Amino acid sequence: QLWQPALSLVQQVLDESVEADSAIFNAAVSSCDASACWLQGLGLLEHMARSAVRADTISYNAAMSTCARGGQAQQALELLLEMHRVRVLPDAISYTAAIKACGNPENWRTSLTLLREVPEATVRVNEIMYSAAVYACRPVGHWQLAHSLWKNR
């Protein structure tokens, strides 16, 4: 349970009126990822906003990774959309986390849609993204679709 001491540290920083920055929150959100505590990770992201600390790409990536580990595809996709809304530039890790979050039979189409959208987002598609999409398609027997995207890239 790495996230519990991380949350305590963030709270201590805030209680002592030390100026919190995104690095402190990012470390705490990342600790939630290691423990698959997606709800706490999202809570920290919201707490950043209330503390007037601007979330950056690393913040969103950590939160989306936490959602992916927790099987929360919808939450991860909402975070990716929020990044666009608040003008935080998603990177390859952002899209990989969102695709991984769609790694269940209900969301395999979404993983392929995201994979197709990546080049439009000025992010270079990489092997990890393709692997995540193939993994998402595997349980429903559609891994060939993701594989064909890889071959035709």
N, C-alpha and C. Protein backbone atom coordinates (compact mmCIF):
# COMPACT_ATOMS: atom_id res chain seq x y z
N GLN A 1 0.82 -1.19 0.00
CA GLN A 1 0.00 0.00 0.00
C GLN A 1 0.86 1.25 0.00
N LEU A 2 1.55 1.48 -1.10
CA LEU A 2 2.43 2.64 -1.23
C LEU A 2 1.68 3.97 -1.22
N TRP A 3 0.43 3.93 -1.62
CA TRP A 3 -0.30 5.19 -1.76
C TRP A 3 -0.62 5.84 -0.42
N GLN A 4 -0.76 5.06 0.65
CA GLN A 4 -1.13 5.64 1.94
C GLN A 4 -0.04 6.58 2.48
N PRO A 5 1.24 6.16 2.50
CA PRO A 5 2.26 7.12 2.95
C PRO A 5 2.39 8.32 2.00
N ALA A 6 2.18 8.08 0.71
CA ALA A 6 2.25 9.19 -0.25
C ALA A 6 1.16 10.21 0.02
N LEU A 7 -0.05 9.74 0.30
CA LEU A 7 -1.14 10.67 0.62
C LEU A 7 -0.85 11.42 1.91
N SER A 8 -0.28 10.74 2.88
CA SER A 8 0.09 11.39 4.14
C SER A 8 1.12 12.48 3.91
N LEU A 9 2.07 12.20 3.03
CA LEU A 9 3.11 13.20 2.73
C LEU A 9 2.50 14.43 2.06
N VAL A 10 1.61 14.21 1.11
CA VAL A 10 0.95 15.35 0.45
C VAL A 10 0.17 16.16 1.47
N GLN A 11 -0.56 15.49 2.34
CA GLN A 11 -1.34 16.18 3.36
C GLN A 11 -0.44 16.96 4.31
N GLN A 12 0.70 16.37 4.66
CA GLN A 12 1.65 17.06 5.55
C GLN A 12 2.20 18.31 4.89
N VAL A 13 2.52 18.21 3.63
CA VAL A 13 3.02 19.38 2.88
C VAL A 13 1.97 20.48 2.89
N LEU A 14 0.72 20.11 2.63
CA LEU A 14 -0.35 21.11 2.60
C LEU A 14 -0.62 21.68 3.98
N ASP A 15 -0.58 20.84 5.02
CA ASP A 15 -0.82 21.30 6.39
C ASP A 15 0.25 22.27 6.86
N GLU A 16 1.48 22.06 6.41
CA GLU A 16 2.59 22.91 6.84
C GLU A 16 2.76 24.14 5.96
N SER A 17 1.80 24.36 5.09
CA SER A 17 1.80 25.51 4.19
C SER A 17 3.04 25.58 3.32
N VAL A 18 3.62 24.42 3.07
CA VAL A 18 4.72 24.36 2.11
C VAL A 18 4.08 24.40 0.73
N GLU A 19 4.67 25.13 -0.17
CA GLU A 19 4.09 25.25 -1.50
C GLU A 19 4.23 23.92 -2.24
N ALA A 20 3.12 23.28 -2.46
CA ALA A 20 3.12 22.01 -3.18
C ALA A 20 3.26 22.28 -4.67
N ASP A 21 3.99 21.41 -5.34
CA ASP A 21 4.11 21.55 -6.79
C ASP A 21 3.65 20.24 -7.44
N SER A 22 3.66 20.25 -8.75
CA SER A 22 3.15 19.07 -9.45
C SER A 22 4.00 17.84 -9.18
N ALA A 23 5.29 18.00 -8.93
CA ALA A 23 6.15 16.84 -8.68
C ALA A 23 5.70 16.06 -7.45
N ILE A 24 5.30 16.76 -6.40
CA ILE A 24 4.83 16.10 -5.18
C ILE A 24 3.55 15.31 -5.47
N PHE A 25 2.61 15.96 -6.14
CA PHE A 25 1.37 15.28 -6.46
C PHE A 25 1.61 14.14 -7.45
N ASN A 26 2.47 14.35 -8.43
CA ASN A 26 2.73 13.30 -9.42
C ASN A 26 3.30 12.06 -8.76
N ALA A 27 4.20 12.25 -7.81
CA ALA A 27 4.76 11.11 -7.09
C ALA A 27 3.67 10.36 -6.32
N ALA A 28 2.77 11.10 -5.72
CA ALA A 28 1.68 10.47 -4.97
C ALA A 28 0.73 9.72 -5.90
N VAL A 29 0.39 10.33 -7.04
CA VAL A 29 -0.50 9.66 -8.00
C VAL A 29 0.18 8.41 -8.54
N SER A 30 1.47 8.49 -8.81
CA SER A 30 2.22 7.32 -9.30
C SER A 30 2.22 6.20 -8.28
N SER A 31 2.27 6.54 -7.01
CA SER A 31 2.23 5.50 -5.98
C SER A 31 0.87 4.80 -5.97
N CYS A 32 -0.17 5.53 -6.35
CA CYS A 32 -1.49 4.91 -6.46
C CYS A 32 -1.51 3.92 -7.63
N ASP A 33 -0.78 4.24 -8.68
CA ASP A 33 -0.69 3.34 -9.84
C ASP A 33 -0.07 2.02 -9.42
N ALA A 34 0.99 2.08 -8.64
CA ALA A 34 1.66 0.85 -8.20
C ALA A 34 0.75 -0.03 -7.36
N SER A 35 -0.23 0.57 -6.72
CA SER A 35 -1.16 -0.19 -5.87
C SER A 35 -2.53 -0.40 -6.52
N ALA A 36 -2.69 0.06 -7.77
CA ALA A 36 -3.96 -0.04 -8.50
C ALA A 36 -5.11 0.63 -7.73
N CYS A 37 -4.82 1.71 -7.07
CA CYS A 37 -5.83 2.47 -6.32
C CYS A 37 -6.27 3.66 -7.16
N TRP A 38 -7.03 3.38 -8.20
CA TRP A 38 -7.39 4.39 -9.17
C TRP A 38 -8.23 5.51 -8.56
N LEU A 39 -9.08 5.18 -7.64
CA LEU A 39 -9.95 6.20 -7.04
C LEU A 39 -9.12 7.23 -6.27
N GLN A 40 -8.12 6.77 -5.54
CA GLN A 40 -7.25 7.68 -4.81
C GLN A 40 -6.43 8.53 -5.79
N GLY A 41 -5.99 7.93 -6.89
CA GLY A 41 -5.25 8.67 -7.90
C GLY A 41 -6.07 9.80 -8.50
N LEU A 42 -7.33 9.50 -8.80
CA LEU A 42 -8.22 10.54 -9.33
C LEU A 42 -8.48 11.62 -8.29
N GLY A 43 -8.60 11.20 -7.04
CA GLY A 43 -8.81 12.16 -5.96
C GLY A 43 -7.63 13.11 -5.83
N LEU A 44 -6.43 12.59 -6.00
CA LEU A 44 -5.25 13.46 -5.94
C LEU A 44 -5.22 14.44 -7.09
N LEU A 45 -5.63 13.99 -8.27
CA LEU A 45 -5.68 14.89 -9.42
C LEU A 45 -6.67 16.03 -9.16
N GLU A 46 -7.80 15.71 -8.58
CA GLU A 46 -8.77 16.74 -8.22
C GLU A 46 -8.23 17.66 -7.13
N HIS A 47 -7.50 17.07 -6.19
CA HIS A 47 -6.92 17.86 -5.11
C HIS A 47 -5.89 18.85 -5.65
N MET A 48 -5.19 18.46 -6.70
CA MET A 48 -4.24 19.38 -7.33
C MET A 48 -4.95 20.65 -7.77
N ALA A 49 -6.07 20.48 -8.43
CA ALA A 49 -6.82 21.63 -8.93
C ALA A 49 -7.28 22.53 -7.79
N ARG A 50 -7.76 21.90 -6.71
CA ARG A 50 -8.21 22.69 -5.56
C ARG A 50 -7.04 23.40 -4.88
N SER A 51 -5.84 22.87 -5.02
CA SER A 51 -4.65 23.46 -4.40
C SER A 51 -3.95 24.43 -5.33
N ALA A 52 -4.58 24.74 -6.45
CA ALA A 52 -4.01 25.66 -7.44
C ALA A 52 -2.69 25.16 -8.02
N VAL A 53 -2.54 23.85 -8.09
CA VAL A 53 -1.37 23.25 -8.73
C VAL A 53 -1.85 22.71 -10.07
N ARG A 54 -1.23 23.18 -11.14
CA ARG A 54 -1.66 22.79 -12.47
C ARG A 54 -1.17 21.38 -12.79
N ALA A 55 -2.09 20.52 -13.13
CA ALA A 55 -1.73 19.17 -13.54
C ALA A 55 -1.03 19.24 -14.90
N ASP A 56 0.01 18.43 -15.06
CA ASP A 56 0.74 18.39 -16.32
C ASP A 56 0.57 17.02 -16.97
N THR A 57 1.28 16.80 -18.05
CA THR A 57 1.17 15.53 -18.77
C THR A 57 1.49 14.35 -17.86
N ILE A 58 2.51 14.51 -17.03
CA ILE A 58 2.89 13.43 -16.11
C ILE A 58 1.76 13.14 -15.13
N SER A 59 1.11 14.16 -14.65
CA SER A 59 -0.02 13.99 -13.72
C SER A 59 -1.12 13.15 -14.36
N TYR A 60 -1.52 13.54 -15.56
CA TYR A 60 -2.58 12.81 -16.25
C TYR A 60 -2.15 11.40 -16.61
N ASN A 61 -0.91 11.24 -17.05
CA ASN A 61 -0.42 9.91 -17.41
C ASN A 61 -0.47 8.97 -16.21
N ALA A 62 -0.03 9.48 -15.06
CA ALA A 62 -0.04 8.65 -13.85
C ALA A 62 -1.47 8.27 -13.48
N ALA A 63 -2.38 9.22 -13.57
CA ALA A 63 -3.78 8.94 -13.23
C ALA A 63 -4.39 7.95 -14.23
N MET A 64 -4.10 8.11 -15.52
CA MET A 64 -4.63 7.18 -16.51
C MET A 64 -4.05 5.79 -16.33
N SER A 65 -2.78 5.70 -15.99
CA SER A 65 -2.17 4.39 -15.73
C SER A 65 -2.82 3.71 -14.54
N THR A 66 -3.14 4.50 -13.53
CA THR A 66 -3.83 3.98 -12.36
C THR A 66 -5.20 3.44 -12.75
N CYS A 67 -5.91 4.19 -13.59
CA CYS A 67 -7.22 3.73 -14.07
C CYS A 67 -7.07 2.46 -14.90
N ALA A 68 -6.04 2.38 -15.71
CA ALA A 68 -5.82 1.19 -16.53
C ALA A 68 -5.61 -0.04 -15.64
N ARG A 69 -4.79 0.10 -14.62
CA ARG A 69 -4.55 -1.02 -13.70
C ARG A 69 -5.82 -1.41 -12.95
N GLY A 70 -6.67 -0.44 -12.70
CA GLY A 70 -7.90 -0.71 -11.98
C GLY A 70 -9.06 -1.11 -12.88
N GLY A 71 -8.80 -1.26 -14.19
CA GLY A 71 -9.85 -1.66 -15.12
C GLY A 71 -10.90 -0.60 -15.36
N GLN A 72 -10.52 0.66 -15.23
CA GLN A 72 -11.46 1.77 -15.36
C GLN A 72 -11.26 2.51 -16.69
N ALA A 73 -11.68 1.86 -17.77
CA ALA A 73 -11.48 2.41 -19.11
C ALA A 73 -12.16 3.76 -19.27
N GLN A 74 -13.40 3.87 -18.83
CA GLN A 74 -14.14 5.12 -19.01
C GLN A 74 -13.44 6.29 -18.32
N GLN A 75 -12.95 6.05 -17.12
CA GLN A 75 -12.24 7.11 -16.39
C GLN A 75 -10.98 7.54 -17.14
N ALA A 76 -10.23 6.56 -17.66
CA ALA A 76 -9.01 6.88 -18.41
C ALA A 76 -9.33 7.68 -19.66
N LEU A 77 -10.38 7.29 -20.36
CA LEU A 77 -10.77 8.02 -21.58
C LEU A 77 -11.22 9.44 -21.25
N GLU A 78 -11.92 9.60 -20.14
CA GLU A 78 -12.34 10.94 -19.73
C GLU A 78 -11.12 11.81 -19.41
N LEU A 79 -10.11 11.22 -18.81
CA LEU A 79 -8.89 11.98 -18.51
C LEU A 79 -8.19 12.41 -19.80
N LEU A 80 -8.16 11.53 -20.80
CA LEU A 80 -7.55 11.88 -22.08
C LEU A 80 -8.30 13.05 -22.73
N LEU A 81 -9.62 13.01 -22.67
CA LEU A 81 -10.42 14.13 -23.20
C LEU A 81 -10.18 15.41 -22.40
N GLU A 82 -10.08 15.26 -21.09
CA GLU A 82 -9.83 16.43 -20.24
C GLU A 82 -8.49 17.07 -20.58
N MET A 83 -7.51 16.25 -20.89
CA MET A 83 -6.20 16.81 -21.26
C MET A 83 -6.35 17.76 -22.43
N HIS A 84 -7.11 17.35 -23.43
CA HIS A 84 -7.34 18.21 -24.59
C HIS A 84 -8.08 19.48 -24.18
N ARG A 85 -9.10 19.32 -23.32
CA ARG A 85 -9.89 20.48 -22.89
C ARG A 85 -9.06 21.53 -22.16
N VAL A 86 -8.16 21.07 -21.29
CA VAL A 86 -7.38 22.01 -20.48
C VAL A 86 -6.02 22.32 -21.11
N ARG A 87 -5.86 21.90 -22.34
CA ARG A 87 -4.65 22.19 -23.12
C ARG A 87 -3.37 21.64 -22.50
N VAL A 88 -3.47 20.40 -22.03
CA VAL A 88 -2.29 19.66 -21.60
C VAL A 88 -2.03 18.66 -22.72
N LEU A 89 -0.86 18.72 -23.31
CA LEU A 89 -0.56 17.94 -24.50
C LEU A 89 -0.33 16.47 -24.16
N PRO A 90 -1.19 15.57 -24.67
CA PRO A 90 -0.97 14.13 -24.44
C PRO A 90 0.28 13.68 -25.21
N ASP A 91 0.96 12.71 -24.65
CA ASP A 91 2.12 12.14 -25.32
C ASP A 91 1.89 10.65 -25.57
N ALA A 92 2.93 9.96 -25.99
CA ALA A 92 2.81 8.53 -26.28
C ALA A 92 2.36 7.76 -25.05
N ILE A 93 2.84 8.14 -23.90
CA ILE A 93 2.46 7.45 -22.65
C ILE A 93 0.97 7.66 -22.37
N SER A 94 0.46 8.84 -22.67
CA SER A 94 -0.97 9.12 -22.47
C SER A 94 -1.83 8.16 -23.30
N TYR A 95 -1.50 8.06 -24.58
CA TYR A 95 -2.29 7.19 -25.45
C TYR A 95 -2.11 5.72 -25.10
N THR A 96 -0.90 5.34 -24.73
CA THR A 96 -0.66 3.96 -24.33
C THR A 96 -1.49 3.60 -23.10
N ALA A 97 -1.53 4.49 -22.12
CA ALA A 97 -2.32 4.24 -20.91
C ALA A 97 -3.80 4.11 -21.25
N ALA A 98 -4.29 4.98 -22.12
CA ALA A 98 -5.71 4.92 -22.51
C ALA A 98 -6.02 3.62 -23.26
N ILE A 99 -5.12 3.23 -24.16
CA ILE A 99 -5.32 1.98 -24.90
C ILE A 99 -5.28 0.78 -23.95
N LYS A 100 -4.32 0.79 -23.02
CA LYS A 100 -4.24 -0.30 -22.04
C LYS A 100 -5.50 -0.36 -21.18
N ALA A 101 -6.04 0.80 -20.85
CA ALA A 101 -7.26 0.82 -20.03
C ALA A 101 -8.42 0.15 -20.75
N CYS A 102 -8.36 0.13 -22.08
CA CYS A 102 -9.41 -0.50 -22.88
C CYS A 102 -9.12 -1.98 -23.12
N GLY A 103 -8.25 -2.55 -22.33
CA GLY A 103 -7.84 -3.94 -22.51
C GLY A 103 -8.81 -4.96 -21.97
N ASN A 104 -10.08 -4.79 -22.26
CA ASN A 104 -11.07 -5.79 -21.86
C ASN A 104 -12.04 -6.01 -23.03
N PRO A 105 -12.79 -7.09 -23.03
CA PRO A 105 -13.65 -7.40 -24.18
C PRO A 105 -14.66 -6.32 -24.54
N GLU A 106 -15.11 -5.54 -23.56
CA GLU A 106 -16.12 -4.51 -23.86
C GLU A 106 -15.54 -3.31 -24.62
N ASN A 107 -14.24 -3.10 -24.54
CA ASN A 107 -13.65 -1.87 -25.08
C ASN A 107 -12.64 -2.08 -26.19
N TRP A 108 -12.61 -3.26 -26.80
CA TRP A 108 -11.59 -3.51 -27.81
C TRP A 108 -11.72 -2.56 -28.99
N ARG A 109 -12.94 -2.19 -29.37
CA ARG A 109 -13.12 -1.25 -30.49
C ARG A 109 -12.53 0.13 -30.14
N THR A 110 -12.71 0.53 -28.91
CA THR A 110 -12.18 1.82 -28.47
C THR A 110 -10.66 1.82 -28.53
N SER A 111 -10.03 0.69 -28.18
CA SER A 111 -8.57 0.64 -28.24
C SER A 111 -8.10 0.83 -29.68
N LEU A 112 -8.80 0.25 -30.64
CA LEU A 112 -8.42 0.42 -32.05
C LEU A 112 -8.68 1.84 -32.52
N THR A 113 -9.78 2.42 -32.07
CA THR A 113 -10.07 3.82 -32.43
C THR A 113 -8.96 4.74 -31.92
N LEU A 114 -8.56 4.53 -30.68
CA LEU A 114 -7.47 5.35 -30.13
C LEU A 114 -6.19 5.16 -30.93
N LEU A 115 -5.90 3.94 -31.30
CA LEU A 115 -4.69 3.66 -32.07
C LEU A 115 -4.73 4.40 -33.40
N ARG A 116 -5.89 4.46 -34.01
CA ARG A 116 -6.03 5.19 -35.29
C ARG A 116 -5.91 6.70 -35.09
N GLU A 117 -6.35 7.20 -33.92
CA GLU A 117 -6.31 8.64 -33.67
C GLU A 117 -4.94 9.17 -33.32
N VAL A 118 -4.06 8.31 -32.88
CA VAL A 118 -2.74 8.75 -32.40
C VAL A 118 -1.99 9.57 -33.44
N PRO A 119 -1.87 9.13 -34.71
CA PRO A 119 -1.12 9.95 -35.66
C PRO A 119 -1.69 11.35 -35.86
N GLU A 120 -3.00 11.49 -35.68
CA GLU A 120 -3.63 12.80 -35.80
C GLU A 120 -3.27 13.71 -34.63
N ALA A 121 -2.81 13.12 -33.55
CA ALA A 121 -2.49 13.89 -32.35
C ALA A 121 -1.01 14.28 -32.29
N THR A 122 -0.33 14.15 -33.38
CA THR A 122 1.10 14.46 -33.47
C THR A 122 1.94 13.68 -32.46
N VAL A 123 1.50 12.48 -32.17
CA VAL A 123 2.25 11.56 -31.32
C VAL A 123 2.62 10.39 -32.21
N ARG A 124 3.83 9.94 -32.07
CA ARG A 124 4.28 8.82 -32.90
C ARG A 124 3.79 7.50 -32.28
N VAL A 125 3.13 6.70 -33.09
CA VAL A 125 2.66 5.40 -32.65
C VAL A 125 3.88 4.51 -32.43
N ASN A 126 3.87 3.75 -31.33
CA ASN A 126 5.00 2.87 -31.06
C ASN A 126 4.54 1.44 -30.81
N GLU A 127 5.50 0.56 -30.65
CA GLU A 127 5.22 -0.86 -30.48
C GLU A 127 4.39 -1.15 -29.23
N ILE A 128 4.60 -0.37 -28.19
CA ILE A 128 3.87 -0.60 -26.95
C ILE A 128 2.38 -0.33 -27.16
N MET A 129 2.06 0.71 -27.93
CA MET A 129 0.65 1.01 -28.22
C MET A 129 0.01 -0.13 -29.01
N TYR A 130 0.74 -0.61 -30.03
CA TYR A 130 0.20 -1.72 -30.81
C TYR A 130 0.02 -2.97 -29.96
N SER A 131 0.98 -3.24 -29.11
CA SER A 131 0.87 -4.41 -28.23
C SER A 131 -0.35 -4.30 -27.32
N ALA A 132 -0.58 -3.11 -26.79
CA ALA A 132 -1.74 -2.90 -25.92
C ALA A 132 -3.04 -3.10 -26.70
N ALA A 133 -3.08 -2.64 -27.95
CA ALA A 133 -4.28 -2.81 -28.77
C ALA A 133 -4.49 -4.29 -29.12
N VAL A 134 -3.42 -4.99 -29.45
CA VAL A 134 -3.53 -6.42 -29.74
C VAL A 134 -4.05 -7.15 -28.51
N TYR A 135 -3.51 -6.79 -27.35
CA TYR A 135 -3.94 -7.41 -26.10
C TYR A 135 -5.44 -7.16 -25.85
N ALA A 136 -5.89 -5.94 -26.13
CA ALA A 136 -7.30 -5.60 -25.92
C ALA A 136 -8.20 -6.40 -26.87
N CYS A 137 -7.72 -6.69 -28.06
CA CYS A 137 -8.53 -7.41 -29.05
C CYS A 137 -8.48 -8.92 -28.88
N ARG A 138 -7.47 -9.42 -28.22
CA ARG A 138 -7.25 -10.86 -28.08
C ARG A 138 -8.43 -11.61 -27.47
N PRO A 139 -9.02 -11.16 -26.36
CA PRO A 139 -10.09 -11.96 -25.74
C PRO A 139 -11.31 -12.16 -26.63
N VAL A 140 -11.53 -11.27 -27.58
CA VAL A 140 -12.71 -11.39 -28.45
C VAL A 140 -12.33 -11.94 -29.83
N GLY A 141 -11.08 -12.37 -29.98
CA GLY A 141 -10.64 -13.00 -31.22
C GLY A 141 -10.41 -12.04 -32.37
N HIS A 142 -10.20 -10.76 -32.09
CA HIS A 142 -9.99 -9.78 -33.14
C HIS A 142 -8.57 -9.22 -33.16
N TRP A 143 -7.63 -9.99 -32.67
CA TRP A 143 -6.25 -9.51 -32.63
C TRP A 143 -5.71 -9.25 -34.03
N GLN A 144 -6.28 -9.92 -35.05
CA GLN A 144 -5.81 -9.72 -36.42
C GLN A 144 -6.02 -8.27 -36.88
N LEU A 145 -7.09 -7.64 -36.38
CA LEU A 145 -7.34 -6.24 -36.75
C LEU A 145 -6.21 -5.33 -36.28
N ALA A 146 -5.82 -5.47 -35.04
CA ALA A 146 -4.73 -4.66 -34.51
C ALA A 146 -3.43 -5.02 -35.22
N HIS A 147 -3.25 -6.31 -35.50
CA HIS A 147 -2.03 -6.74 -36.19
C HIS A 147 -1.98 -6.14 -37.60
N SER A 148 -3.11 -6.08 -38.28
CA SER A 148 -3.12 -5.50 -39.63
C SER A 148 -2.81 -4.01 -39.58
N LEU A 149 -3.23 -3.32 -38.53
CA LEU A 149 -2.86 -1.91 -38.38
C LEU A 149 -1.35 -1.77 -38.26
N TRP A 150 -0.75 -2.68 -37.51
CA TRP A 150 0.70 -2.67 -37.33
C TRP A 150 1.40 -2.89 -38.67
N LYS A 151 0.93 -3.86 -39.44
CA LYS A 151 1.57 -4.18 -40.72
C LYS A 151 1.41 -3.04 -41.72
N ASN A 152 0.30 -2.33 -41.65
CA ASN A 152 0.00 -1.27 -42.63
C ASN A 152 0.43 0.12 -42.18
N ARG A 153 1.20 0.19 -41.12
CA ARG A 153 1.57 1.51 -40.59
C ARG A 153 2.48 2.27 -41.50
